[in-house]
Amino acid sequence: MSRASLSNSTKNALLIFDGDCGFCTTSVRYLERTLPAMPSSVPYQWADLDALGLSTDEASARVWLVTPTHQYGGHLAFSALLRHQPDPGLRLVGWLLATPPFSWAGALGYSLVARYRNLLPGGTPACAVKR
């Protein structure tokens, strides 16, 4: 499926991530290679956060999927990304990630990954989240 055939909500979406984090950048590049319906992506350091309705603190704390009508942060950004895929299995996983009790596990998993991303493959000391 080409990007031209994506739904309007995905075509007009923007994935915002931490461009200083090797793990985050590697993860986004992997998604770009593997997901057929992938929106544009930009490091938050290069994005016009004011125009997107995000603060620097919000953007540095988690990944964001911003559409013309919604802002999805953290595990819900990944959930929304999966819900817009052509594969029904990926869409089902996306819906499950947004539904309790699966969303609770997704939030916890995302929190752990975000906190320890500097220790994950592709991570560097620059990836460490200052708490």
C-alpha atoms as a PDB file:
ATOM      1  CA  MET A   1       0.000   0.000   0.000  1.00  0.00           C
ATOM      2  CA  SER A   2       1.403   3.361  -0.919  1.00  0.00           C
ATOM      3  CA  ARG A   3       1.278   6.454   1.235  1.00  0.00           C
ATOM      4  CA  ALA A   4      -1.080   7.956  -1.346  1.00  0.00           C
ATOM      5  CA  SER A   5      -3.756   5.413  -0.407  1.00  0.00           C
ATOM      6  CA  LEU A   6      -3.666   6.088   3.336  1.00  0.00           C
ATOM      7  CA  SER A   7      -6.694   7.445   5.142  1.00  0.00           C
ATOM      8  CA  ASN A   8      -6.791  11.216   5.633  1.00  0.00           C
ATOM      9  CA  SER A   9      -6.195  10.844   9.371  1.00  0.00           C
ATOM     10  CA  THR A  10      -2.927   9.002   8.738  1.00  0.00           C
ATOM     11  CA  LYS A  11      -1.817  11.101   5.764  1.00  0.00           C
ATOM     12  CA  ASN A  12      -2.220  14.267   7.812  1.00  0.00           C
ATOM     13  CA  ALA A  13      -0.709  12.784  10.971  1.00  0.00           C
ATOM     14  CA  LEU A  14       2.752  13.528  12.288  1.00  0.00           C
ATOM     15  CA  LEU A  15       4.792  11.282  14.562  1.00  0.00           C
ATOM     16  CA  ILE A  16       6.900  13.325  16.996  1.00  0.00           C
ATOM     17  CA  PHE A  17       9.832  11.612  18.718  1.00  0.00           C
ATOM     18  CA  ASP A  18      13.097  12.380  20.536  1.00  0.00           C
ATOM     19  CA  GLY A  19      15.682  12.825  17.803  1.00  0.00           C
ATOM     20  CA  ASP A  20      18.541  12.879  20.318  1.00  0.00           C
ATOM     21  CA  CYS A  21      17.707   9.334  21.430  1.00  0.00           C
ATOM     22  CA  GLY A  22      19.290   6.575  19.371  1.00  0.00           C
ATOM     23  CA  PHE A  23      16.717   4.023  20.527  1.00  0.00           C
ATOM     24  CA  CYS A  24      13.815   6.304  19.570  1.00  0.00           C
ATOM     25  CA  THR A  25      15.304   7.149  16.178  1.00  0.00           C
ATOM     26  CA  THR A  26      16.076   3.483  15.454  1.00  0.00           C
ATOM     27  CA  SER A  27      12.531   2.500  16.452  1.00  0.00           C
ATOM     28  CA  VAL A  28      10.916   5.119  14.216  1.00  0.00           C
ATOM     29  CA  ARG A  29      13.127   4.141  11.260  1.00  0.00           C
ATOM     30  CA  TYR A  30      12.126   0.493  11.801  1.00  0.00           C
ATOM     31  CA  LEU A  31       8.431   1.437  11.776  1.00  0.00           C
ATOM     32  CA  GLU A  32       8.974   3.475   8.596  1.00  0.00           C
ATOM     33  CA  ARG A  33      10.458   0.398   6.903  1.00  0.00           C
ATOM     34  CA  THR A  34       7.847  -2.100   8.121  1.00  0.00           C
ATOM     35  CA  LEU A  35       4.451  -0.394   8.452  1.00  0.00           C
ATOM     36  CA  PRO A  36       2.599   0.227   5.201  1.00  0.00           C
ATOM     37  CA  ALA A  37       0.584   3.124   6.637  1.00  0.00           C
ATOM     38  CA  MET A  38       3.232   5.250   8.310  1.00  0.00           C
ATOM     39  CA  PRO A  39       2.736   8.993   8.762  1.00  0.00           C
ATOM     40  CA  SER A  40       5.518  11.504   8.403  1.00  0.00           C
ATOM     41  CA  SER A  41       7.833  11.690  11.402  1.00  0.00           C
ATOM     42  CA  VAL A  42       9.999  14.439  12.826  1.00  0.00           C
ATOM     43  CA  PRO A  43      12.177  14.803  15.917  1.00  0.00           C
ATOM     44  CA  TYR A  44      10.538  17.136  18.418  1.00  0.00           C
ATOM     45  CA  GLN A  45      13.722  19.202  18.353  1.00  0.00           C
ATOM     46  CA  TRP A  46      12.911  20.175  14.738  1.00  0.00           C
ATOM     47  CA  ALA A  47       9.123  20.412  15.050  1.00  0.00           C
ATOM     48  CA  ASP A  48       6.998  23.523  15.487  1.00  0.00           C
ATOM     49  CA  LEU A  49       5.645  22.364  18.834  1.00  0.00           C
ATOM     50  CA  ASP A  50       3.492  25.459  19.357  1.00  0.00           C
ATOM     51  CA  ALA A  51       1.665  24.790  16.093  1.00  0.00           C
ATOM     52  CA  LEU A  52       1.151  21.163  17.161  1.00  0.00           C
ATOM     53  CA  GLY A  53      -0.172  22.158  20.576  1.00  0.00           C
ATOM     54  CA  LEU A  54       2.680  20.513  22.494  1.00  0.00           C
ATOM     55  CA  SER A  55       5.140  21.865  25.019  1.00  0.00           C
ATOM     56  CA  THR A  56       8.812  20.938  25.022  1.00  0.00           C
ATOM     57  CA  ASP A  57       8.266  19.054  28.298  1.00  0.00           C
ATOM     58  CA  GLU A  58       5.438  17.017  26.762  1.00  0.00           C
ATOM     59  CA  ALA A  59       7.401  16.272  23.607  1.00  0.00           C
ATOM     60  CA  SER A  60      10.535  15.246  25.483  1.00  0.00           C
ATOM     61  CA  ALA A  61       8.585  12.964  27.830  1.00  0.00           C
ATOM     62  CA  ARG A  62       6.969  10.661  25.239  1.00  0.00           C
ATOM     63  CA  VAL A  63       6.337   9.972  21.581  1.00  0.00           C
ATOM     64  CA  TRP A  64       3.323  11.751  20.063  1.00  0.00           C
ATOM     65  CA  LEU A  65       1.065  11.041  17.117  1.00  0.00           C
ATOM     66  CA  VAL A  66      -0.637  14.305  16.198  1.00  0.00           C
ATOM     67  CA  THR A  67      -3.564  14.330  13.761  1.00  0.00           C
ATOM     68  CA  PRO A  68      -5.723  17.289  12.729  1.00  0.00           C
ATOM     69  CA  THR A  69      -8.222  16.324  15.457  1.00  0.00           C
ATOM     70  CA  HIS A  70      -6.290  14.394  18.145  1.00  0.00           C
ATOM     71  CA  GLN A  71      -3.026  14.146  20.052  1.00  0.00           C
ATOM     72  CA  TYR A  72      -1.997  10.669  21.184  1.00  0.00           C
ATOM     73  CA  GLY A  73       0.929  10.336  23.576  1.00  0.00           C
ATOM     74  CA  GLY A  74       3.000   7.376  24.713  1.00  0.00           C
ATOM     75  CA  HIS A  75       1.456   3.941  24.259  1.00  0.00           C
ATOM     76  CA  LEU A  76      -1.708   5.527  22.854  1.00  0.00           C
ATOM     77  CA  ALA A  77       0.358   7.000  19.990  1.00  0.00           C
ATOM     78  CA  PHE A  78       1.505   3.490  19.100  1.00  0.00           C
ATOM     79  CA  SER A  79      -2.068   2.221  19.513  1.00  0.00           C
ATOM     80  CA  ALA A  80      -3.409   4.886  17.131  1.00  0.00           C
ATOM     81  CA  LEU A  81      -0.650   4.124  14.634  1.00  0.00           C
ATOM     82  CA  LEU A  82      -1.595   0.433  14.635  1.00  0.00           C
ATOM     83  CA  ARG A  83      -5.329   1.177  14.352  1.00  0.00           C
ATOM     84  CA  HIS A  84      -4.674   2.882  10.998  1.00  0.00           C
ATOM     85  CA  GLN A  85      -2.848  -0.054   9.421  1.00  0.00           C
ATOM     86  CA  PRO A  86      -4.402  -2.041   6.544  1.00  0.00           C
ATOM     87  CA  ASP A  87      -3.703  -5.365   8.311  1.00  0.00           C
ATOM     88  CA  PRO A  88      -6.676  -6.404  10.501  1.00  0.00           C
ATOM     89  CA  GLY A  89      -4.369  -8.102  13.006  1.00  0.00           C
ATOM     90  CA  LEU A  90      -2.395  -4.909  13.581  1.00  0.00           C
ATOM     91  CA  ARG A  91      -5.627  -2.926  13.903  1.00  0.00           C
ATOM     92  CA  LEU A  92      -6.877  -5.401  16.523  1.00  0.00           C
ATOM     93  CA  VAL A  93      -3.652  -5.017  18.532  1.00  0.00           C
ATOM     94  CA  GLY A  94      -4.046  -1.242  18.271  1.00  0.00           C
ATOM     95  CA  TRP A  95      -7.588  -1.396  19.649  1.00  0.00           C
ATOM     96  CA  LEU A  96      -6.531  -3.740  22.439  1.00  0.00           C
ATOM     97  CA  LEU A  97      -3.726  -1.349  23.459  1.00  0.00           C
ATOM     98  CA  ALA A  98      -6.352   1.366  23.945  1.00  0.00           C
ATOM     99  CA  THR A  99      -8.744  -0.832  25.951  1.00  0.00           C
ATOM    100  CA  PRO A 100      -8.440  -1.721  29.658  1.00  0.00           C
ATOM    101  CA  PRO A 101      -6.919  -3.898  31.002  1.00  0.00           C
ATOM    102  CA  PHE A 102      -4.561  -4.091  28.007  1.00  0.00           C
ATOM    103  CA  SER A 103      -4.103  -0.310  28.037  1.00  0.00           C
ATOM    104  CA  TRP A 104      -2.864  -0.519  31.632  1.00  0.00           C
ATOM    105  CA  ALA A 105      -0.212  -3.027  30.587  1.00  0.00           C
ATOM    106  CA  GLY A 106       0.617  -0.882  27.542  1.00  0.00           C
ATOM    107  CA  ALA A 107       1.055   2.218  29.698  1.00  0.00           C
ATOM    108  CA  LEU A 108       3.292   0.341  32.131  1.00  0.00           C
ATOM    109  CA  GLY A 109       5.340  -1.193  29.314  1.00  0.00           C
ATOM    110  CA  TYR A 110       5.740   2.163  27.597  1.00  0.00           C
ATOM    111  CA  SER A 111       6.776   3.787  30.873  1.00  0.00           C
ATOM    112  CA  LEU A 112       9.467   1.147  31.451  1.00  0.00           C
ATOM    113  CA  VAL A 113      10.800   1.401  27.898  1.00  0.00           C
ATOM    114  CA  ALA A 114      10.877   5.214  28.097  1.00  0.00           C
ATOM    115  CA  ARG A 115      12.612   5.182  31.460  1.00  0.00           C
ATOM    116  CA  TYR A 116      15.289   2.649  30.480  1.00  0.00           C
ATOM    117  CA  ARG A 117      15.633   3.415  26.757  1.00  0.00           C
ATOM    118  CA  ASN A 118      19.316   4.237  27.226  1.00  0.00           C
ATOM    119  CA  LEU A 119      19.896   0.567  28.118  1.00  0.00           C
ATOM    120  CA  LEU A 120      18.002  -0.843  25.117  1.00  0.00           C
ATOM    121  CA  PRO A 121      19.490  -1.719  21.692  1.00  0.00           C
ATOM    122  CA  GLY A 122      20.433   1.503  19.891  1.00  0.00           C
ATOM    123  CA  GLY A 123      20.299   3.431  23.156  1.00  0.00           C
ATOM    124  CA  THR A 124      23.119   5.705  24.257  1.00  0.00           C
ATOM    125  CA  PRO A 125      23.784   7.746  27.386  1.00  0.00           C
ATOM    126  CA  ALA A 126      22.083  10.673  25.576  1.00  0.00           C
ATOM    127  CA  CYS A 127      18.870   8.636  25.616  1.00  0.00           C
ATOM    128  CA  ALA A 128      18.619   8.695  29.408  1.00  0.00           C
ATOM    129  CA  VAL A 129      15.543  10.531  30.610  1.00  0.00           C
ATOM    130  CA  LYS A 130      16.324  13.084  33.279  1.00  0.00           C
ATOM    131  CA  ARG A 131      13.950  12.559  36.220  1.00  0.00           C
END
